[in-house]
């Protein structure tokens, strides 16, 4: 219902931009989860925002404006969502095993962008991985790999 209403308002206020992402677009669902990972600890600092923007540009071959629009739309979608299932169910149907593991890895990268992991972030990753059928073993291995890379990058 909200998606239909939002699309109607968007269509009425269309400024000619080509950056509208549909509710069933897996990129919007993935970005909404990444936004949740970046904001769940109450802070969305520059490092997290920059990491999110860069990852979206490279992963989805977007320009700066499209990546910013995707983040904006995903932020709205994430704020309107009652839970995670709206996003994870679409991603579970759309992505293969490797794609789901990659999303969890990118979520860890967003979490580690500010050099600290809160219990809220850790719990979110556990829940999303579970809903995406990513094993605990894979989730923990992806976290270890991202944490090691984050430590190396800080030392460099």
C-alpha atoms as a PDB file:
ATOM      1  CA  UNK A   1       0.000   0.000   0.000  1.00  0.00           C
ATOM      2  CA  UNK A   2       2.700   2.479   0.996  1.00  0.00           C
ATOM      3  CA  UNK A   3       4.747   1.488  -2.025  1.00  0.00           C
ATOM      4  CA  UNK A   4       1.827   2.173  -4.362  1.00  0.00           C
ATOM      5  CA  UNK A   5       1.137   5.509  -2.692  1.00  0.00           C
ATOM      6  CA  UNK A   6       4.815   6.460  -2.804  1.00  0.00           C
ATOM      7  CA  UNK A   7       4.978   5.538  -6.519  1.00  0.00           C
ATOM      8  CA  UNK A   8       1.887   7.642  -7.238  1.00  0.00           C
ATOM      9  CA  UNK A   9       3.344  10.655  -5.443  1.00  0.00           C
ATOM     10  CA  UNK A  10       6.690  10.064  -7.130  1.00  0.00           C
ATOM     11  CA  UNK A  11       5.033   9.896 -10.555  1.00  0.00           C
ATOM     12  CA  UNK A  12       3.121  13.097  -9.885  1.00  0.00           C
ATOM     13  CA  UNK A  13       6.254  14.906  -8.751  1.00  0.00           C
ATOM     14  CA  UNK A  14       8.544  13.370 -11.380  1.00  0.00           C
ATOM     15  CA  UNK A  15      11.364  15.777 -12.113  1.00  0.00           C
ATOM     16  CA  UNK A  16      12.568  13.819 -15.099  1.00  0.00           C
ATOM     17  CA  UNK A  17      15.278  11.983 -13.189  1.00  0.00           C
ATOM     18  CA  UNK A  18      15.967   8.389 -14.052  1.00  0.00           C
ATOM     19  CA  UNK A  19      16.748   7.305 -10.508  1.00  0.00           C
ATOM     20  CA  UNK A  20      13.469   5.740  -9.336  1.00  0.00           C
ATOM     21  CA  UNK A  21      13.959   2.269  -7.898  1.00  0.00           C
ATOM     22  CA  UNK A  22      10.939  -0.053  -7.763  1.00  0.00           C
ATOM     23  CA  UNK A  23       9.862  -1.716  -4.509  1.00  0.00           C
ATOM     24  CA  UNK A  24      10.672  -5.134  -5.980  1.00  0.00           C
ATOM     25  CA  UNK A  25      14.146  -4.064  -7.093  1.00  0.00           C
ATOM     26  CA  UNK A  26      16.632  -6.205  -5.188  1.00  0.00           C
ATOM     27  CA  UNK A  27      19.051  -3.259  -5.161  1.00  0.00           C
ATOM     28  CA  UNK A  28      16.581  -1.252  -3.078  1.00  0.00           C
ATOM     29  CA  UNK A  29      16.106  -4.172  -0.667  1.00  0.00           C
ATOM     30  CA  UNK A  30      19.868  -4.750  -0.330  1.00  0.00           C
ATOM     31  CA  UNK A  31      20.548  -1.056   0.185  1.00  0.00           C
ATOM     32  CA  UNK A  32      17.794  -0.814   2.807  1.00  0.00           C
ATOM     33  CA  UNK A  33      19.553  -3.553   4.787  1.00  0.00           C
ATOM     34  CA  UNK A  34      22.877  -1.776   4.359  1.00  0.00           C
ATOM     35  CA  UNK A  35      21.306   1.468   5.586  1.00  0.00           C
ATOM     36  CA  UNK A  36      19.909  -0.423   8.592  1.00  0.00           C
ATOM     37  CA  UNK A  37      23.400  -1.796   9.310  1.00  0.00           C
ATOM     38  CA  UNK A  38      24.871   1.706   9.082  1.00  0.00           C
ATOM     39  CA  UNK A  39      22.265   3.354  11.300  1.00  0.00           C
ATOM     40  CA  UNK A  40      21.209   0.743  13.849  1.00  0.00           C
ATOM     41  CA  UNK A  41      23.808   1.924  16.369  1.00  0.00           C
ATOM     42  CA  UNK A  42      22.384   5.454  16.251  1.00  0.00           C
ATOM     43  CA  UNK A  43      25.257   6.866  14.207  1.00  0.00           C
ATOM     44  CA  UNK A  44      25.568   7.242  10.447  1.00  0.00           C
ATOM     45  CA  UNK A  45      28.944   8.900  10.194  1.00  0.00           C
ATOM     46  CA  UNK A  46      30.924   9.989   7.163  1.00  0.00           C
ATOM     47  CA  UNK A  47      32.990   6.781   7.000  1.00  0.00           C
ATOM     48  CA  UNK A  48      29.867   4.595   6.888  1.00  0.00           C
ATOM     49  CA  UNK A  49      28.154   6.838   4.358  1.00  0.00           C
ATOM     50  CA  UNK A  50      31.240   6.925   2.115  1.00  0.00           C
ATOM     51  CA  UNK A  51      31.703   3.136   2.305  1.00  0.00           C
ATOM     52  CA  UNK A  52      28.023   2.581   1.474  1.00  0.00           C
ATOM     53  CA  UNK A  53      28.131   5.015  -1.442  1.00  0.00           C
ATOM     54  CA  UNK A  54      31.317   3.484  -2.873  1.00  0.00           C
ATOM     55  CA  UNK A  55      30.082  -0.099  -2.537  1.00  0.00           C
ATOM     56  CA  UNK A  56      26.780   0.736  -4.273  1.00  0.00           C
ATOM     57  CA  UNK A  57      28.559   2.503  -7.120  1.00  0.00           C
ATOM     58  CA  UNK A  58      30.909  -0.378  -7.760  1.00  0.00           C
ATOM     59  CA  UNK A  59      28.501  -3.268  -7.151  1.00  0.00           C
ATOM     60  CA  UNK A  60      25.578  -1.892  -9.161  1.00  0.00           C
ATOM     61  CA  UNK A  61      27.550   0.212 -11.694  1.00  0.00           C
ATOM     62  CA  UNK A  62      25.870   3.449 -10.616  1.00  0.00           C
ATOM     63  CA  UNK A  63      27.040   7.020 -10.973  1.00  0.00           C
ATOM     64  CA  UNK A  64      27.200   9.340  -7.960  1.00  0.00           C
ATOM     65  CA  UNK A  65      23.674  10.700  -8.446  1.00  0.00           C
ATOM     66  CA  UNK A  66      22.093   7.261  -8.852  1.00  0.00           C
ATOM     67  CA  UNK A  67      23.927   5.902  -5.797  1.00  0.00           C
ATOM     68  CA  UNK A  68      22.765   8.892  -3.733  1.00  0.00           C
ATOM     69  CA  UNK A  69      19.193   8.433  -4.983  1.00  0.00           C
ATOM     70  CA  UNK A  70      19.305   4.738  -4.120  1.00  0.00           C
ATOM     71  CA  UNK A  71      20.516   5.512  -0.591  1.00  0.00           C
ATOM     72  CA  UNK A  72      17.771   8.108  -0.186  1.00  0.00           C
ATOM     73  CA  UNK A  73      15.021   5.777  -1.413  1.00  0.00           C
ATOM     74  CA  UNK A  74      16.365   2.882   0.640  1.00  0.00           C
ATOM     75  CA  UNK A  75      16.462   5.053   3.752  1.00  0.00           C
ATOM     76  CA  UNK A  76      12.775   5.881   3.301  1.00  0.00           C
ATOM     77  CA  UNK A  77      11.923   2.222   2.623  1.00  0.00           C
ATOM     78  CA  UNK A  78      13.908   1.104   5.674  1.00  0.00           C
ATOM     79  CA  UNK A  79      12.173   3.653   7.916  1.00  0.00           C
ATOM     80  CA  UNK A  80       8.739   2.550   6.669  1.00  0.00           C
ATOM     81  CA  UNK A  81       9.476  -1.162   7.085  1.00  0.00           C
ATOM     82  CA  UNK A  82       8.026  -2.998  10.041  1.00  0.00           C
ATOM     83  CA  UNK A  83      10.798  -5.589  10.015  1.00  0.00           C
ATOM     84  CA  UNK A  84      13.497  -7.208   7.949  1.00  0.00           C
ATOM     85  CA  UNK A  85      11.356  -9.780   6.157  1.00  0.00           C
ATOM     86  CA  UNK A  86      10.177  -7.349   3.464  1.00  0.00           C
ATOM     87  CA  UNK A  87      13.758  -7.064   2.268  1.00  0.00           C
ATOM     88  CA  UNK A  88      15.179 -10.480   3.098  1.00  0.00           C
ATOM     89  CA  UNK A  89      12.347 -12.401   1.443  1.00  0.00           C
ATOM     90  CA  UNK A  90      12.935 -10.576  -1.858  1.00  0.00           C
ATOM     91  CA  UNK A  91      16.701 -11.041  -1.613  1.00  0.00           C
ATOM     92  CA  UNK A  92      16.364 -14.706  -0.689  1.00  0.00           C
ATOM     93  CA  UNK A  93      14.308 -15.269  -3.844  1.00  0.00           C
ATOM     94  CA  UNK A  94      16.536 -13.118  -6.069  1.00  0.00           C
ATOM     95  CA  UNK A  95      20.108 -13.874  -5.006  1.00  0.00           C
ATOM     96  CA  UNK A  96      21.983 -17.154  -5.179  1.00  0.00           C
ATOM     97  CA  UNK A  97      24.023 -18.479  -2.237  1.00  0.00           C
ATOM     98  CA  UNK A  98      27.109 -16.521  -3.253  1.00  0.00           C
ATOM     99  CA  UNK A  99      25.081 -13.322  -3.663  1.00  0.00           C
ATOM    100  CA  UNK A 100      23.576 -13.709  -0.184  1.00  0.00           C
ATOM    101  CA  UNK A 101      27.006 -14.312   1.356  1.00  0.00           C
ATOM    102  CA  UNK A 102      28.344 -11.282  -0.509  1.00  0.00           C
ATOM    103  CA  UNK A 103      25.564  -9.113   0.921  1.00  0.00           C
ATOM    104  CA  UNK A 104      26.441 -10.250   4.446  1.00  0.00           C
ATOM    105  CA  UNK A 105      30.091  -9.447   3.744  1.00  0.00           C
ATOM    106  CA  UNK A 106      29.215  -5.931   2.546  1.00  0.00           C
ATOM    107  CA  UNK A 107      27.013  -5.441   5.613  1.00  0.00           C
ATOM    108  CA  UNK A 108      30.028  -6.309   7.784  1.00  0.00           C
ATOM    109  CA  UNK A 109      32.112  -3.816   5.778  1.00  0.00           C
ATOM    110  CA  UNK A 110      29.550  -1.089   6.525  1.00  0.00           C
ATOM    111  CA  UNK A 111      29.504  -2.043  10.211  1.00  0.00           C
ATOM    112  CA  UNK A 112      33.309  -1.991  10.442  1.00  0.00           C
ATOM    113  CA  UNK A 113      33.596   1.321   8.547  1.00  0.00           C
ATOM    114  CA  UNK A 114      33.477   3.253  11.831  1.00  0.00           C
ATOM    115  CA  UNK A 115      35.948   0.855  13.529  1.00  0.00           C
ATOM    116  CA  UNK A 116      33.475  -0.398  16.142  1.00  0.00           C
ATOM    117  CA  UNK A 117      30.783  -3.052  16.270  1.00  0.00           C
ATOM    118  CA  UNK A 118      27.853  -2.581  18.615  1.00  0.00           C
ATOM    119  CA  UNK A 119      25.712  -5.398  19.959  1.00  0.00           C
ATOM    120  CA  UNK A 120      22.862  -4.014  17.826  1.00  0.00           C
ATOM    121  CA  UNK A 121      24.936  -4.357  14.658  1.00  0.00           C
ATOM    122  CA  UNK A 122      26.083  -7.848  15.590  1.00  0.00           C
ATOM    123  CA  UNK A 123      22.494  -8.920  16.301  1.00  0.00           C
ATOM    124  CA  UNK A 124      21.249  -7.418  13.043  1.00  0.00           C
ATOM    125  CA  UNK A 125      23.828  -9.338  11.018  1.00  0.00           C
ATOM    126  CA  UNK A 126      22.914 -12.557  12.823  1.00  0.00           C
ATOM    127  CA  UNK A 127      19.195 -12.050  12.041  1.00  0.00           C
ATOM    128  CA  UNK A 128      19.709 -11.048   8.402  1.00  0.00           C
ATOM    129  CA  UNK A 129      22.114 -13.930   7.779  1.00  0.00           C
ATOM    130  CA  UNK A 130      19.611 -16.329   9.318  1.00  0.00           C
ATOM    131  CA  UNK A 131      16.757 -14.982   7.168  1.00  0.00           C
ATOM    132  CA  UNK A 132      18.950 -15.245   4.061  1.00  0.00           C
ATOM    133  CA  UNK A 133      19.977 -18.801   4.925  1.00  0.00           C
ATOM    134  CA  UNK A 134      23.624 -17.879   5.325  1.00  0.00           C
ATOM    135  CA  UNK A 135      25.120 -20.305   7.824  1.00  0.00           C
ATOM    136  CA  UNK A 136      26.505 -19.172  11.170  1.00  0.00           C
ATOM    137  CA  UNK A 137      29.856 -20.540  10.075  1.00  0.00           C
ATOM    138  CA  UNK A 138      29.848 -18.382   6.922  1.00  0.00           C
ATOM    139  CA  UNK A 139      28.612 -15.308   8.820  1.00  0.00           C
ATOM    140  CA  UNK A 140      31.384 -15.647  11.390  1.00  0.00           C
ATOM    141  CA  UNK A 141      34.033 -16.284   8.711  1.00  0.00           C
ATOM    142  CA  UNK A 142      32.887 -13.236   6.735  1.00  0.00           C
ATOM    143  CA  UNK A 143      33.050 -11.120   9.894  1.00  0.00           C
ATOM    144  CA  UNK A 144      36.570 -12.362  10.653  1.00  0.00           C
ATOM    145  CA  UNK A 145      37.725 -11.635   7.103  1.00  0.00           C
ATOM    146  CA  UNK A 146      36.254  -8.107   7.117  1.00  0.00           C
ATOM    147  CA  UNK A 147      37.628  -7.385  10.615  1.00  0.00           C
ATOM    148  CA  UNK A 148      41.136  -8.442   9.542  1.00  0.00           C
ATOM    149  CA  UNK A 149      40.963  -6.317   6.397  1.00  0.00           C
ATOM    150  CA  UNK A 150      39.670  -3.360   8.423  1.00  0.00           C
ATOM    151  CA  UNK A 151      42.578  -3.728  10.864  1.00  0.00           C
ATOM    152  CA  UNK A 152      45.106  -3.927   7.998  1.00  0.00           C
ATOM    153  CA  UNK A 153      43.574  -0.865   6.292  1.00  0.00           C
ATOM    154  CA  UNK A 154      43.764   1.178   9.496  1.00  0.00           C
ATOM    155  CA  UNK A 155      47.417   0.208   9.963  1.00  0.00           C
ATOM    156  CA  UNK A 156      48.372   1.149   6.426  1.00  0.00           C
END
